Amino acid sequence: MEEDEIERWVTTYALSSGISKKRGVIVGHYFRYGGRNLVNKDCGLVKTGYHHATFSKAVAHAEKLRKKKVASLKKQLARMKSLRFKEPVDGE
């Protein structure tokens, strides 16, 4: 039986290469695009939550990912700024 292909907006790599539009099928909790051969560069499995029926939902998810990443980077920057280096005491 042939599976019906649908178009979905994929946000897996939204922060690095943007939101992409793919044609594929829903398989369980995943969206599979590009065929069954996952060795092909343009094939993949996308977890539920990272593929969306509309572009506006994909943008909303990408914004959520961006805000989370910015918060993480701010926390990392604060940790780096708080680092202090001192000479070791004998025996250390």
Protein backbone atom coordinates (compact mmCIF):
# COMPACT_ATOMS: atom_id res chain seq x y z
CA MET A 1 0.00 0.00 0.00
CA GLU A 2 1.38 3.41 -1.02
CA GLU A 3 1.61 5.97 1.78
CA ASP A 4 0.18 9.44 1.14
CA GLU A 5 2.85 12.15 1.14
CA ILE A 6 2.20 15.43 2.91
CA GLU A 7 4.13 18.69 3.14
CA ARG A 8 5.50 19.74 6.52
CA TRP A 9 7.67 22.58 7.77
CA VAL A 10 10.72 21.20 9.62
CA THR A 11 12.38 23.15 12.45
CA THR A 12 15.06 20.63 13.48
CA TYR A 13 17.87 22.88 12.18
CA ALA A 14 15.99 26.20 12.39
CA LEU A 15 18.79 27.95 14.32
CA SER A 16 21.58 26.87 11.98
CA SER A 17 20.14 26.51 8.50
CA GLY A 18 16.58 27.77 8.83
CA ILE A 19 13.11 26.30 8.49
CA SER A 20 12.75 23.89 5.60
CA LYS A 21 9.74 22.58 3.71
CA LYS A 22 9.77 18.79 3.12
CA ARG A 23 7.45 16.22 1.57
CA GLY A 24 7.11 12.91 3.37
CA VAL A 25 4.95 10.62 5.48
CA ILE A 26 4.05 10.33 9.16
CA VAL A 27 5.42 7.09 10.64
CA GLY A 28 4.50 6.61 14.29
CA HIS A 29 5.95 9.58 16.20
CA TYR A 30 8.16 10.65 13.30
CA PHE A 31 7.93 12.44 9.96
CA ARG A 32 10.03 10.65 7.33
CA TYR A 33 11.09 12.57 4.22
CA GLY A 34 13.23 11.80 1.20
CA GLY A 35 12.49 8.07 1.01
CA ARG A 36 13.54 5.09 3.06
CA ASN A 37 17.30 5.24 2.37
CA LEU A 38 18.60 7.43 5.22
CA VAL A 39 22.12 7.42 3.69
CA ASN A 40 20.84 9.97 1.15
CA LYS A 41 21.74 13.53 2.20
CA ASP A 42 18.18 14.81 1.79
CA CYS A 43 16.51 12.04 3.82
CA GLY A 44 15.59 12.10 7.43
CA LEU A 45 13.36 11.34 10.37
CA VAL A 46 11.95 14.25 12.36
CA LYS A 47 10.54 13.84 15.86
CA THR A 48 7.04 15.03 16.70
CA GLY A 49 7.23 18.68 17.72
CA TYR A 50 9.86 19.53 15.11
CA HIS A 51 7.58 19.25 12.06
CA HIS A 52 4.57 21.51 11.56
CA ALA A 53 1.58 21.70 9.22
CA THR A 54 1.80 25.49 8.78
CA PHE A 55 4.65 27.92 8.38
CA SER A 56 3.30 30.12 11.20
CA LYS A 57 3.46 27.20 13.65
CA ALA A 58 7.00 26.45 12.49
CA VAL A 59 8.02 30.09 13.05
CA ALA A 60 6.47 30.06 16.54
CA HIS A 61 8.46 26.93 17.40
CA ALA A 62 11.67 28.39 15.95
CA GLU A 63 11.16 31.55 18.07
CA LYS A 64 10.76 29.36 21.16
CA LEU A 65 14.00 27.54 20.28
CA ARG A 66 15.78 30.87 19.70
CA LYS A 67 14.69 32.28 23.07
CA LYS A 68 15.81 29.09 24.82
CA LYS A 69 19.21 29.26 23.09
CA VAL A 70 19.68 32.96 23.97
CA ALA A 71 18.90 32.21 27.63
CA SER A 72 21.41 29.36 27.60
CA LEU A 73 24.10 31.58 26.06
CA LYS A 74 23.46 34.32 28.64
CA LYS A 75 23.87 31.78 31.42
CA GLN A 76 27.08 30.51 29.82
CA LEU A 77 28.41 34.07 29.43
CA ALA A 78 27.67 34.84 33.10
CA ARG A 79 29.59 31.69 34.11
CA MET A 80 32.56 32.72 31.96
CA LYS A 81 32.57 36.26 33.37
CA SER A 82 32.59 34.92 36.92
CA LEU A 83 35.70 32.78 36.38
CA ARG A 84 38.68 33.88 38.44
CA PHE A 85 42.20 32.55 38.09
CA LYS A 86 44.82 32.59 40.83
CA GLU A 87 48.21 31.12 41.37
CA PRO A 88 48.22 27.66 42.88
CA VAL A 89 49.30 27.24 46.47
CA ASP A 90 52.24 24.86 47.07
CA GLY A 91 51.12 21.27 46.73
CA GLU A 92 48.30 21.94 44.30
